Amino acid sequence: MMRVDLGVVGYAEATEAMRGWVAERQAGAAPDRLFLLEHPPVVTYGRHTPPEDLPRDGSLEVVEVDRGGHATYHGPGQLVGYLVMNLRERGPGDVVRWLELGLIAALADLGFATVRRETPKGADSLVGVWTPEHHKLVSIGMRIRGGVTSHGFALNVDPDLGVFDRFTACRLPGVTMTSLRRMAEAAGVPVPAGADVRDAIAARLTV
């Protein structure tokens, strides 16, 4: 898989580009790619998200998207990774679990212990990456179209966590969102640089 670093990209611009990335992969005109980027502040949500879960004060841009999952936030201090990969070539395995485990391994490389959680039958999805105390660090929402994935993950490195008080993240009322900064401060260790986080994740996901 090829790593592509994009810097800060507007959400509408990125979703339009993603349609082209998917079409290129479906046509065999490009390899599997991991796009690493950051968005200006925006709350995105899947089509099954209840309206009451969304922010109502008008302080955040709100955009409906064509991925799985419910409402989540993208903004400064957060690393977004979009995966455009052909599952027919990689096999029919559970791509979400593969992504969770890859991110957990990358975070361990950086010195942070995290876990994945199984979703109880009939409960709202616990897909993502969590601290051992069940604070949520990474949100995941993906789509598969024509055998090719799109969308991906959002990792809180050092965002304004107060934003998550304005809406219900991931259809999980009461969930505590956390960040690498908060985890590092609790452990008394330095916050990893953004470049180091990107390198660790790319090393685990692009093999």
N, C-alpha and C. Protein backbone atom coordinates (compact mmCIF):
# COMPACT_ATOMS: atom_id res chain seq x y z
N MET A 1 0.84 -1.19 0.00
CA MET A 1 0.00 0.00 0.00
C MET A 1 0.88 1.25 0.00
N MET A 2 0.51 2.24 -0.78
CA MET A 2 1.28 3.47 -0.90
C MET A 2 0.77 4.51 0.09
N ARG A 3 1.69 5.17 0.77
CA ARG A 3 1.36 6.26 1.69
C ARG A 3 1.33 7.57 0.92
N VAL A 4 0.28 8.39 1.19
CA VAL A 4 0.17 9.70 0.56
C VAL A 4 -0.15 10.72 1.66
N ASP A 5 0.75 11.68 1.90
CA ASP A 5 0.54 12.73 2.89
C ASP A 5 -0.02 13.97 2.20
N LEU A 6 -1.14 14.47 2.71
CA LEU A 6 -1.82 15.57 2.04
C LEU A 6 -1.87 16.87 2.85
N GLY A 7 -1.55 16.85 4.12
CA GLY A 7 -1.65 18.07 4.92
C GLY A 7 -3.10 18.39 5.25
N VAL A 8 -3.44 19.69 5.31
CA VAL A 8 -4.80 20.12 5.65
C VAL A 8 -5.63 20.21 4.36
N VAL A 9 -6.77 19.51 4.35
CA VAL A 9 -7.64 19.48 3.17
C VAL A 9 -9.08 19.69 3.63
N GLY A 10 -9.81 20.56 2.97
CA GLY A 10 -11.22 20.76 3.29
C GLY A 10 -12.00 19.48 3.09
N TYR A 11 -13.05 19.29 3.91
CA TYR A 11 -13.76 18.02 3.86
C TYR A 11 -14.43 17.80 2.50
N ALA A 12 -15.10 18.81 1.96
CA ALA A 12 -15.77 18.65 0.66
C ALA A 12 -14.75 18.34 -0.44
N GLU A 13 -13.62 18.99 -0.40
CA GLU A 13 -12.56 18.73 -1.39
C GLU A 13 -12.07 17.29 -1.28
N ALA A 14 -11.90 16.81 -0.05
CA ALA A 14 -11.40 15.45 0.16
C ALA A 14 -12.41 14.41 -0.31
N THR A 15 -13.69 14.62 -0.04
CA THR A 15 -14.69 13.62 -0.45
C THR A 15 -14.82 13.57 -1.97
N GLU A 16 -14.69 14.71 -2.61
CA GLU A 16 -14.72 14.72 -4.08
C GLU A 16 -13.50 13.98 -4.63
N ALA A 17 -12.33 14.23 -4.04
CA ALA A 17 -11.13 13.55 -4.49
C ALA A 17 -11.23 12.05 -4.22
N MET A 18 -11.87 11.67 -3.12
CA MET A 18 -11.97 10.26 -2.77
C MET A 18 -12.76 9.48 -3.81
N ARG A 19 -13.76 10.10 -4.38
CA ARG A 19 -14.51 9.42 -5.46
C ARG A 19 -13.57 9.07 -6.61
N GLY A 20 -12.66 10.00 -6.92
CA GLY A 20 -11.70 9.73 -7.98
C GLY A 20 -10.70 8.66 -7.58
N TRP A 21 -10.25 8.68 -6.32
CA TRP A 21 -9.31 7.66 -5.85
C TRP A 21 -9.93 6.27 -5.94
N VAL A 22 -11.21 6.17 -5.55
CA VAL A 22 -11.90 4.87 -5.61
C VAL A 22 -12.03 4.41 -7.05
N ALA A 23 -12.42 5.32 -7.95
CA ALA A 23 -12.58 4.95 -9.36
C ALA A 23 -11.24 4.49 -9.95
N GLU A 24 -10.16 5.16 -9.59
CA GLU A 24 -8.84 4.76 -10.07
C GLU A 24 -8.48 3.35 -9.59
N ARG A 25 -8.80 3.07 -8.32
CA ARG A 25 -8.46 1.74 -7.78
C ARG A 25 -9.34 0.67 -8.42
N GLN A 26 -10.61 0.97 -8.64
CA GLN A 26 -11.50 0.00 -9.27
C GLN A 26 -11.04 -0.32 -10.69
N ALA A 27 -10.49 0.67 -11.37
CA ALA A 27 -10.02 0.48 -12.74
C ALA A 27 -8.62 -0.11 -12.82
N GLY A 28 -7.97 -0.29 -11.67
CA GLY A 28 -6.61 -0.79 -11.66
C GLY A 28 -5.58 0.23 -12.09
N ALA A 29 -5.98 1.51 -12.05
CA ALA A 29 -5.07 2.58 -12.50
C ALA A 29 -4.20 3.11 -11.38
N ALA A 30 -4.41 2.64 -10.14
CA ALA A 30 -3.61 3.08 -9.00
C ALA A 30 -3.51 1.93 -8.02
N PRO A 31 -2.46 1.92 -7.19
CA PRO A 31 -2.32 0.87 -6.17
C PRO A 31 -3.20 1.17 -4.97
N ASP A 32 -3.23 0.24 -4.01
CA ASP A 32 -3.84 0.55 -2.71
C ASP A 32 -3.11 1.75 -2.12
N ARG A 33 -3.89 2.68 -1.51
CA ARG A 33 -3.28 3.89 -0.97
C ARG A 33 -3.85 4.23 0.40
N LEU A 34 -2.99 4.75 1.26
CA LEU A 34 -3.36 5.30 2.55
C LEU A 34 -3.12 6.80 2.49
N PHE A 35 -4.18 7.58 2.57
CA PHE A 35 -4.08 9.04 2.53
C PHE A 35 -4.14 9.57 3.96
N LEU A 36 -3.12 10.32 4.37
CA LEU A 36 -3.04 10.89 5.71
C LEU A 36 -3.22 12.40 5.61
N LEU A 37 -4.15 12.95 6.40
CA LEU A 37 -4.49 14.35 6.27
C LEU A 37 -5.15 14.88 7.53
N GLU A 38 -5.49 16.16 7.49
CA GLU A 38 -6.22 16.82 8.57
C GLU A 38 -7.31 17.67 7.94
N HIS A 39 -8.45 17.77 8.61
CA HIS A 39 -9.56 18.60 8.11
C HIS A 39 -9.76 19.83 8.99
N PRO A 40 -10.26 20.92 8.41
CA PRO A 40 -10.80 22.01 9.24
C PRO A 40 -12.00 21.46 10.02
N PRO A 41 -12.46 22.16 11.07
CA PRO A 41 -13.52 21.62 11.93
C PRO A 41 -14.81 21.27 11.17
N VAL A 42 -15.28 20.04 11.37
CA VAL A 42 -16.52 19.57 10.75
C VAL A 42 -17.02 18.35 11.51
N VAL A 43 -18.33 18.22 11.62
CA VAL A 43 -18.95 16.99 12.14
C VAL A 43 -19.57 16.26 10.96
N THR A 44 -19.22 15.00 10.79
CA THR A 44 -19.79 14.19 9.71
C THR A 44 -20.63 13.08 10.32
N TYR A 45 -21.61 12.61 9.53
CA TYR A 45 -22.50 11.58 10.08
C TYR A 45 -23.03 10.69 8.97
N GLY A 46 -23.27 9.42 9.32
CA GLY A 46 -23.88 8.47 8.40
C GLY A 46 -25.38 8.66 8.32
N ARG A 47 -26.00 8.03 7.34
CA ARG A 47 -27.42 8.30 7.07
C ARG A 47 -28.37 7.78 8.13
N HIS A 48 -27.90 6.89 9.00
CA HIS A 48 -28.77 6.38 10.06
C HIS A 48 -28.64 7.15 11.37
N THR A 49 -27.90 8.26 11.35
CA THR A 49 -27.69 9.03 12.57
C THR A 49 -28.95 9.80 12.95
N PRO A 50 -29.46 9.66 14.18
CA PRO A 50 -30.63 10.44 14.61
C PRO A 50 -30.31 11.93 14.65
N PRO A 51 -31.23 12.79 14.26
CA PRO A 51 -30.97 14.24 14.27
C PRO A 51 -30.57 14.77 15.64
N GLU A 52 -31.09 14.17 16.71
CA GLU A 52 -30.77 14.67 18.04
C GLU A 52 -29.32 14.43 18.45
N ASP A 53 -28.61 13.59 17.70
CA ASP A 53 -27.19 13.36 18.00
C ASP A 53 -26.29 14.46 17.46
N LEU A 54 -26.82 15.30 16.58
CA LEU A 54 -25.99 16.29 15.89
C LEU A 54 -25.93 17.61 16.66
N PRO A 55 -24.85 18.40 16.49
CA PRO A 55 -24.76 19.70 17.17
C PRO A 55 -25.85 20.64 16.66
N ARG A 56 -26.42 21.42 17.58
CA ARG A 56 -27.56 22.28 17.22
C ARG A 56 -27.27 23.76 17.37
N ASP A 57 -26.07 24.11 17.83
CA ASP A 57 -25.82 25.53 18.10
C ASP A 57 -25.26 26.28 16.90
N GLY A 58 -25.08 25.59 15.76
CA GLY A 58 -24.59 26.25 14.56
C GLY A 58 -23.12 26.58 14.58
N SER A 59 -22.39 26.13 15.59
CA SER A 59 -20.98 26.48 15.71
C SER A 59 -20.07 25.59 14.89
N LEU A 60 -20.61 24.48 14.36
CA LEU A 60 -19.81 23.54 13.58
C LEU A 60 -20.49 23.22 12.26
N GLU A 61 -19.69 23.09 11.22
CA GLU A 61 -20.22 22.60 9.95
C GLU A 61 -20.63 21.14 10.13
N VAL A 62 -21.79 20.77 9.56
CA VAL A 62 -22.31 19.41 9.68
C VAL A 62 -22.56 18.86 8.27
N VAL A 63 -21.99 17.66 7.99
CA VAL A 63 -22.05 17.11 6.63
C VAL A 63 -22.46 15.65 6.69
N GLU A 64 -23.48 15.26 5.91
CA GLU A 64 -23.85 13.85 5.79
C GLU A 64 -22.89 13.17 4.81
N VAL A 65 -22.49 11.94 5.14
CA VAL A 65 -21.50 11.23 4.32
C VAL A 65 -21.99 9.83 3.99
N ASP A 66 -21.32 9.19 3.02
CA ASP A 66 -21.75 7.88 2.53
C ASP A 66 -20.91 6.75 3.12
N ARG A 67 -20.64 6.81 4.42
CA ARG A 67 -19.89 5.76 5.10
C ARG A 67 -20.74 5.15 6.18
N GLY A 68 -20.23 4.07 6.78
CA GLY A 68 -20.87 3.52 7.95
C GLY A 68 -20.58 4.37 9.17
N GLY A 69 -21.28 4.09 10.25
CA GLY A 69 -21.04 4.82 11.48
C GLY A 69 -21.94 6.02 11.64
N HIS A 70 -21.83 6.66 12.79
CA HIS A 70 -22.68 7.79 13.12
C HIS A 70 -21.85 9.08 13.17
N ALA A 71 -22.25 10.02 14.03
CA ALA A 71 -21.61 11.33 14.03
C ALA A 71 -20.21 11.27 14.62
N THR A 72 -19.29 11.95 13.96
CA THR A 72 -17.94 12.09 14.51
C THR A 72 -17.38 13.45 14.11
N TYR A 73 -16.31 13.82 14.75
CA TYR A 73 -15.71 15.14 14.53
C TYR A 73 -14.38 15.00 13.82
N HIS A 74 -14.09 15.93 12.92
CA HIS A 74 -12.77 16.08 12.32
C HIS A 74 -12.33 17.52 12.54
N GLY A 75 -11.05 17.70 12.87
CA GLY A 75 -10.57 19.06 13.05
C GLY A 75 -9.10 19.11 13.37
N PRO A 76 -8.59 20.30 13.64
CA PRO A 76 -7.17 20.48 13.94
C PRO A 76 -6.74 19.60 15.12
N GLY A 77 -5.54 19.06 15.02
CA GLY A 77 -5.02 18.20 16.07
C GLY A 77 -5.45 16.75 15.95
N GLN A 78 -6.13 16.44 14.86
CA GLN A 78 -6.60 15.06 14.64
C GLN A 78 -6.00 14.54 13.34
N LEU A 79 -5.56 13.29 13.36
CA LEU A 79 -5.04 12.66 12.15
C LEU A 79 -6.14 11.83 11.51
N VAL A 80 -6.45 12.13 10.26
CA VAL A 80 -7.44 11.37 9.49
C VAL A 80 -6.70 10.50 8.49
N GLY A 81 -7.12 9.25 8.40
CA GLY A 81 -6.55 8.33 7.43
C GLY A 81 -7.62 7.74 6.56
N TYR A 82 -7.53 7.94 5.26
CA TYR A 82 -8.47 7.35 4.31
C TYR A 82 -7.79 6.19 3.60
N LEU A 83 -8.42 5.04 3.62
CA LEU A 83 -7.88 3.83 3.00
C LEU A 83 -8.65 3.53 1.73
N VAL A 84 -7.95 3.50 0.62
CA VAL A 84 -8.55 3.12 -0.66
C VAL A 84 -7.81 1.88 -1.12
N MET A 85 -8.44 0.72 -0.89
CA MET A 85 -7.77 -0.55 -1.14
C MET A 85 -8.72 -1.57 -1.73
N ASN A 86 -8.18 -2.44 -2.57
CA ASN A 86 -8.97 -3.45 -3.27
C ASN A 86 -9.05 -4.70 -2.41
N LEU A 87 -10.24 -5.01 -1.89
CA LEU A 87 -10.40 -6.17 -1.02
C LEU A 87 -10.39 -7.47 -1.80
N ARG A 88 -10.67 -7.42 -3.09
CA ARG A 88 -10.64 -8.65 -3.87
C ARG A 88 -9.21 -9.17 -4.01
N GLU A 89 -8.25 -8.25 -3.99
CA GLU A 89 -6.86 -8.66 -4.07
C GLU A 89 -6.32 -9.05 -2.69
N ARG A 90 -6.82 -8.41 -1.65
CA ARG A 90 -6.33 -8.68 -0.30
C ARG A 90 -7.11 -9.79 0.40
N GLY A 91 -8.21 -10.24 -0.18
CA GLY A 91 -9.00 -11.29 0.44
C GLY A 91 -10.20 -10.74 1.17
N PRO A 92 -11.14 -11.61 1.54
CA PRO A 92 -12.41 -11.17 2.11
C PRO A 92 -12.38 -11.00 3.63
N GLY A 93 -11.20 -10.81 4.21
CA GLY A 93 -11.10 -10.69 5.66
C GLY A 93 -11.83 -9.47 6.19
N ASP A 94 -11.94 -9.40 7.49
CA ASP A 94 -12.61 -8.29 8.17
C ASP A 94 -11.70 -7.07 8.13
N VAL A 95 -11.96 -6.15 7.21
CA VAL A 95 -11.06 -5.02 7.03
C VAL A 95 -11.09 -4.09 8.23
N VAL A 96 -12.25 -3.97 8.89
CA VAL A 96 -12.33 -3.08 10.05
C VAL A 96 -11.48 -3.64 11.19
N ARG A 97 -11.57 -4.94 11.42
CA ARG A 97 -10.75 -5.54 12.47
C ARG A 97 -9.27 -5.41 12.13
N TRP A 98 -8.91 -5.63 10.87
CA TRP A 98 -7.52 -5.44 10.44
C TRP A 98 -7.05 -4.02 10.73
N LEU A 99 -7.91 -3.04 10.46
CA LEU A 99 -7.54 -1.65 10.71
C LEU A 99 -7.40 -1.39 12.21
N GLU A 100 -8.35 -1.87 13.00
CA GLU A 100 -8.25 -1.71 14.45
C GLU A 100 -6.94 -2.28 14.98
N LEU A 101 -6.61 -3.49 14.57
CA LEU A 101 -5.40 -4.15 15.08
C LEU A 101 -4.13 -3.44 14.59
N GLY A 102 -4.15 -2.95 13.36
CA GLY A 102 -3.00 -2.20 12.85
C GLY A 102 -2.78 -0.91 13.62
N LEU A 103 -3.86 -0.20 13.94
CA LEU A 103 -3.74 1.03 14.71
C LEU A 103 -3.27 0.74 16.14
N ILE A 104 -3.79 -0.33 16.73
CA ILE A 104 -3.37 -0.71 18.08
C ILE A 104 -1.87 -1.02 18.10
N ALA A 105 -1.38 -1.72 17.09
CA ALA A 105 0.04 -2.03 17.01
C ALA A 105 0.87 -0.76 16.84
N ALA A 106 0.39 0.17 16.01
CA ALA A 106 1.12 1.42 15.81
C ALA A 106 1.18 2.24 17.09
N LEU A 107 0.07 2.28 17.82
CA LEU A 107 0.04 3.02 19.08
C LEU A 107 0.95 2.36 20.12
N ALA A 108 1.03 1.04 20.11
CA ALA A 108 1.96 0.34 21.00
C ALA A 108 3.40 0.70 20.65
N ASP A 109 3.70 0.84 19.36
CA ASP A 109 5.03 1.25 18.94
C ASP A 109 5.39 2.62 19.50
N LEU A 110 4.36 3.47 19.69
CA LEU A 110 4.56 4.81 20.24
C LEU A 110 4.54 4.82 21.77
N GLY A 111 4.25 3.65 22.37
CA GLY A 111 4.27 3.55 23.82
C GLY A 111 2.92 3.66 24.50
N PHE A 112 1.82 3.51 23.72
CA PHE A 112 0.48 3.66 24.29
C PHE A 112 -0.30 2.36 24.15
N ALA A 113 -0.82 1.88 25.27
CA ALA A 113 -1.62 0.65 25.26
C ALA A 113 -3.07 0.98 24.93
N THR A 114 -3.62 0.31 23.93
CA THR A 114 -5.01 0.51 23.53
C THR A 114 -5.64 -0.84 23.21
N VAL A 115 -6.96 -0.86 23.07
CA VAL A 115 -7.68 -2.11 22.85
C VAL A 115 -8.79 -1.90 21.82
N ARG A 116 -9.27 -3.00 21.26
CA ARG A 116 -10.51 -3.00 20.50
C ARG A 116 -11.58 -3.62 21.38
N ARG A 117 -12.85 -3.36 21.06
CA ARG A 117 -13.94 -3.87 21.87
C ARG A 117 -14.95 -4.59 20.99
N GLU A 118 -15.46 -5.69 21.47
CA GLU A 118 -16.53 -6.39 20.79
C GLU A 118 -17.86 -5.70 21.10
N THR A 119 -18.72 -5.59 20.10
CA THR A 119 -20.02 -4.96 20.30
C THR A 119 -21.04 -6.00 20.76
N PRO A 120 -21.65 -5.81 21.93
CA PRO A 120 -22.68 -6.76 22.37
C PRO A 120 -23.85 -6.80 21.38
N LYS A 121 -24.47 -7.94 21.27
CA LYS A 121 -25.59 -8.10 20.36
C LYS A 121 -26.68 -7.08 20.67
N GLY A 122 -27.12 -6.36 19.63
CA GLY A 122 -28.18 -5.38 19.76
C GLY A 122 -27.73 -4.02 20.26
N ALA A 123 -26.44 -3.86 20.58
CA ALA A 123 -25.93 -2.59 21.09
C ALA A 123 -25.39 -1.73 19.95
N ASP A 124 -25.20 -0.45 20.23
CA ASP A 124 -24.57 0.42 19.24
C ASP A 124 -23.10 0.04 19.09
N SER A 125 -22.57 0.26 17.90
CA SER A 125 -21.24 -0.24 17.54
C SER A 125 -20.14 0.33 18.42
N LEU A 126 -19.24 -0.56 18.83
CA LEU A 126 -18.05 -0.17 19.58
C LEU A 126 -16.79 -0.25 18.71
N VAL A 127 -16.98 -0.25 17.39
CA VAL A 127 -15.84 -0.23 16.47
C VAL A 127 -14.98 0.99 16.76
N GLY A 128 -13.68 0.80 16.73
CA GLY A 128 -12.74 1.89 16.99
C GLY A 128 -11.59 1.39 17.83
N VAL A 129 -10.82 2.32 18.37
CA VAL A 129 -9.71 1.98 19.25
C VAL A 129 -9.92 2.75 20.56
N TRP A 130 -9.75 2.02 21.67
CA TRP A 130 -10.08 2.53 22.99
C TRP A 130 -8.89 2.38 23.94
N THR A 131 -8.89 3.17 25.02
CA THR A 131 -7.93 2.94 26.09
C THR A 131 -8.41 1.74 26.90
N PRO A 132 -7.56 1.16 27.72
CA PRO A 132 -8.01 0.07 28.58
C PRO A 132 -9.15 0.47 29.52
N GLU A 133 -9.28 1.79 29.79
CA GLU A 133 -10.37 2.29 30.63
C GLU A 133 -11.64 2.55 29.82
N HIS A 134 -11.61 2.24 28.52
CA HIS A 134 -12.75 2.39 27.61
C HIS A 134 -13.06 3.86 27.31
N HIS A 135 -12.00 4.68 27.22
CA HIS A 135 -12.13 6.00 26.65
C HIS A 135 -11.78 5.88 25.16
N LYS A 136 -12.52 6.57 24.31
CA LYS A 136 -12.34 6.36 22.87
C LYS A 136 -11.29 7.29 22.29
N LEU A 137 -10.33 6.70 21.59
CA LEU A 137 -9.22 7.44 21.00
C LEU A 137 -9.34 7.56 19.48
N VAL A 138 -9.84 6.52 18.84
CA VAL A 138 -9.92 6.48 17.37
C VAL A 138 -11.34 6.09 16.95
N SER A 139 -11.92 6.87 16.05
CA SER A 139 -13.20 6.52 15.43
C SER A 139 -12.94 5.95 14.05
N ILE A 140 -13.75 4.96 13.66
CA ILE A 140 -13.58 4.30 12.36
C ILE A 140 -14.93 4.25 11.66
N GLY A 141 -14.95 4.62 10.40
CA GLY A 141 -16.14 4.50 9.57
C GLY A 141 -15.70 4.28 8.14
N MET A 142 -16.11 3.16 7.54
CA MET A 142 -15.65 2.82 6.20
C MET A 142 -16.81 2.47 5.28
N ARG A 143 -16.52 2.50 4.00
CA ARG A 143 -17.49 2.06 3.00
C ARG A 143 -16.77 1.17 1.99
N ILE A 144 -17.48 0.15 1.50
CA ILE A 144 -16.95 -0.71 0.44
C ILE A 144 -17.85 -0.56 -0.77
N ARG A 145 -17.25 -0.18 -1.89
CA ARG A 145 -17.99 0.05 -3.13
C ARG A 145 -17.23 -0.63 -4.26
N GLY A 146 -17.88 -1.59 -4.93
CA GLY A 146 -17.20 -2.28 -6.03
C GLY A 146 -15.93 -2.98 -5.59
N GLY A 147 -15.92 -3.51 -4.36
CA GLY A 147 -14.76 -4.22 -3.86
C GLY A 147 -13.62 -3.35 -3.39
N VAL A 148 -13.84 -2.01 -3.34
CA VAL A 148 -12.80 -1.07 -2.93
C VAL A 148 -13.28 -0.27 -1.72
N THR A 149 -12.41 -0.14 -0.73
CA THR A 149 -12.76 0.60 0.48
C THR A 149 -12.57 2.10 0.28
N SER A 150 -13.27 2.87 1.11
CA SER A 150 -13.03 4.31 1.20
C SER A 150 -13.33 4.76 2.63
N HIS A 151 -13.08 6.03 2.90
CA HIS A 151 -13.14 6.58 4.26
C HIS A 151 -12.11 5.84 5.13
N GLY A 152 -12.26 5.83 6.45
CA GLY A 152 -11.22 5.21 7.26
C GLY A 152 -11.30 5.55 8.72
N PHE A 153 -10.29 6.27 9.25
CA PHE A 153 -10.22 6.49 10.70
C PHE A 153 -9.89 7.94 11.03
N ALA A 154 -10.20 8.31 12.27
CA ALA A 154 -9.83 9.62 12.81
C ALA A 154 -9.22 9.40 14.19
N LEU A 155 -7.95 9.75 14.34
CA LEU A 155 -7.20 9.56 15.58
C LEU A 155 -6.99 10.91 16.26
N ASN A 156 -7.41 11.00 17.51
CA ASN A 156 -7.25 12.23 18.28
C ASN A 156 -5.82 12.32 18.81
N VAL A 157 -5.03 13.17 18.20
CA VAL A 157 -3.67 13.40 18.68
C VAL A 157 -3.69 14.51 19.73
N ASP A 158 -4.13 15.70 19.34
CA ASP A 158 -4.22 16.82 20.28
C ASP A 158 -5.31 17.79 19.84
N PRO A 159 -6.56 17.32 19.67
CA PRO A 159 -7.64 18.22 19.27
C PRO A 159 -8.26 18.90 20.50
N ASP A 160 -9.17 19.81 20.26
CA ASP A 160 -9.99 20.40 21.32
C ASP A 160 -11.07 19.38 21.68
N LEU A 161 -10.88 18.65 22.77
CA LEU A 161 -11.84 17.61 23.14
C LEU A 161 -13.18 18.18 23.59
N GLY A 162 -13.21 19.47 23.90
CA GLY A 162 -14.47 20.09 24.28
C GLY A 162 -15.50 20.08 23.17
N VAL A 163 -15.04 19.97 21.93
CA VAL A 163 -15.97 19.90 20.80
C VAL A 163 -16.92 18.72 20.95
N PHE A 164 -16.43 17.61 21.51
CA PHE A 164 -17.26 16.41 21.61
C PHE A 164 -18.41 16.57 22.61
N ASP A 165 -18.40 17.64 23.39
CA ASP A 165 -19.51 17.91 24.30
C ASP A 165 -20.72 18.49 23.57
N ARG A 166 -20.54 18.89 22.30
CA ARG A 166 -21.61 19.56 21.56
C ARG A 166 -22.50 18.61 20.76
N PHE A 167 -22.14 17.32 20.73
CA PHE A 167 -22.96 16.35 20.00
C PHE A 167 -22.71 14.97 20.58
N THR A 168 -23.47 13.98 20.12
CA THR A 168 -23.30 12.61 20.60
C THR A 168 -22.41 11.87 19.63
N ALA A 169 -21.19 11.58 20.04
CA ALA A 169 -20.23 10.93 19.16
C ALA A 169 -20.54 9.45 19.01
N CYS A 170 -20.60 9.00 17.76
CA CYS A 170 -20.68 7.57 17.43
C CYS A 170 -21.92 6.88 18.02
N ARG A 171 -22.98 7.66 18.27
CA ARG A 171 -24.22 7.10 18.83
C ARG A 171 -23.98 6.48 20.20
N LEU A 172 -23.03 7.06 20.95
CA LEU A 172 -22.66 6.51 22.26
C LEU A 172 -22.76 7.62 23.30
N PRO A 173 -23.95 7.93 23.80
CA PRO A 173 -24.08 8.99 24.80
C PRO A 173 -23.28 8.65 26.05
N GLY A 174 -22.57 9.64 26.55
CA GLY A 174 -21.78 9.44 27.76
C GLY A 174 -20.39 8.91 27.52
N VAL A 175 -20.04 8.59 26.26
CA VAL A 175 -18.69 8.10 25.99
C VAL A 175 -17.67 9.21 26.27
N THR A 176 -16.54 8.84 26.84
CA THR A 176 -15.46 9.78 27.07
C THR A 176 -14.47 9.70 25.92
N MET A 177 -14.32 10.79 25.18
CA MET A 177 -13.35 10.85 24.11
C MET A 177 -12.01 11.30 24.71
N THR A 178 -10.94 10.74 24.21
CA THR A 178 -9.62 11.09 24.72
C THR A 178 -8.67 11.39 23.56
N SER A 179 -7.44 11.69 23.90
CA SER A 179 -6.43 12.04 22.88
C SER A 179 -5.08 11.52 23.34
N LEU A 180 -4.14 11.48 22.41
CA LEU A 180 -2.78 11.09 22.78
C LEU A 180 -2.17 12.09 23.77
N ARG A 181 -2.53 13.37 23.63
CA ARG A 181 -2.04 14.35 24.61
C ARG A 181 -2.53 14.00 26.01
N ARG A 182 -3.81 13.72 26.15
CA ARG A 182 -4.35 13.41 27.47
C ARG A 182 -3.72 12.12 28.02
N MET A 183 -3.54 11.13 27.16
CA MET A 183 -2.93 9.87 27.60
C MET A 183 -1.47 10.09 28.00
N ALA A 184 -0.75 10.90 27.22
CA ALA A 184 0.66 11.17 27.52
C ALA A 184 0.80 11.92 28.84
N GLU A 185 -0.06 12.92 29.04
CA GLU A 185 0.00 13.69 30.29
C GLU A 185 -0.29 12.80 31.49
N ALA A 186 -1.26 11.88 31.35
CA ALA A 186 -1.59 10.98 32.46
C ALA A 186 -0.42 10.05 32.78
N ALA A 187 0.35 9.69 31.75
CA ALA A 187 1.48 8.77 31.94
C ALA A 187 2.78 9.50 32.26
N GLY A 188 2.76 10.84 32.18
CA GLY A 188 3.97 11.61 32.45
C GLY A 188 5.03 11.47 31.40
N VAL A 189 4.60 11.32 30.13
CA VAL A 189 5.55 11.18 29.03
C VAL A 189 5.27 12.26 27.98
N PRO A 190 6.22 12.54 27.08
CA PRO A 190 5.99 13.57 26.06
C PRO A 190 4.89 13.16 25.08
N VAL A 191 4.18 14.16 24.58
CA VAL A 191 3.20 13.91 23.53
C VAL A 191 3.95 13.63 22.23
N PRO A 192 3.64 12.55 21.53
CA PRO A 192 4.37 12.27 20.29
C PRO A 192 4.11 13.33 19.23
N ALA A 193 5.13 13.64 18.48
CA ALA A 193 4.99 14.59 17.38
C ALA A 193 4.09 14.02 16.30
N GLY A 194 3.38 14.89 15.60
CA GLY A 194 2.48 14.45 14.55
C GLY A 194 3.17 13.60 13.50
N ALA A 195 4.39 13.98 13.14
CA ALA A 195 5.13 13.22 12.13
C ALA A 195 5.42 11.80 12.62
N ASP A 196 5.72 11.67 13.92
CA ASP A 196 6.00 10.34 14.46
C ASP A 196 4.74 9.47 14.47
N VAL A 197 3.60 10.08 14.75
CA VAL A 197 2.33 9.34 14.72
C VAL A 197 2.03 8.85 13.31
N ARG A 198 2.19 9.74 12.34
CA ARG A 198 1.95 9.35 10.94
C ARG A 198 2.88 8.23 10.51
N ASP A 199 4.16 8.34 10.88
CA ASP A 199 5.13 7.32 10.50
C ASP A 199 4.79 5.96 11.12
N ALA A 200 4.40 5.97 12.39
CA ALA A 200 4.09 4.71 13.07
C ALA A 200 2.88 4.02 12.44
N ILE A 201 1.87 4.81 12.12
CA ILE A 201 0.67 4.22 11.51
C ILE A 201 0.97 3.72 10.11
N ALA A 202 1.67 4.52 9.33
CA ALA A 202 2.00 4.09 7.97
C ALA A 202 2.84 2.82 7.98
N ALA A 203 3.75 2.71 8.95
CA ALA A 203 4.60 1.52 9.02
C ALA A 203 3.78 0.25 9.25
N ARG A 204 2.70 0.38 9.99
CA ARG A 204 1.87 -0.80 10.30
C ARG A 204 0.82 -1.09 9.22
N LEU A 205 0.35 -0.05 8.53
CA LEU A 205 -0.76 -0.26 7.58
C LEU A 205 -0.32 -0.42 6.13
N THR A 206 0.91 -0.03 5.81
CA THR A 206 1.32 -0.09 4.42
C THR A 206 2.18 -1.30 4.10
N VAL A 207 2.29 -2.25 5.04
CA VAL A 207 3.09 -3.45 4.77
C VAL A 207 2.30 -4.41 3.89
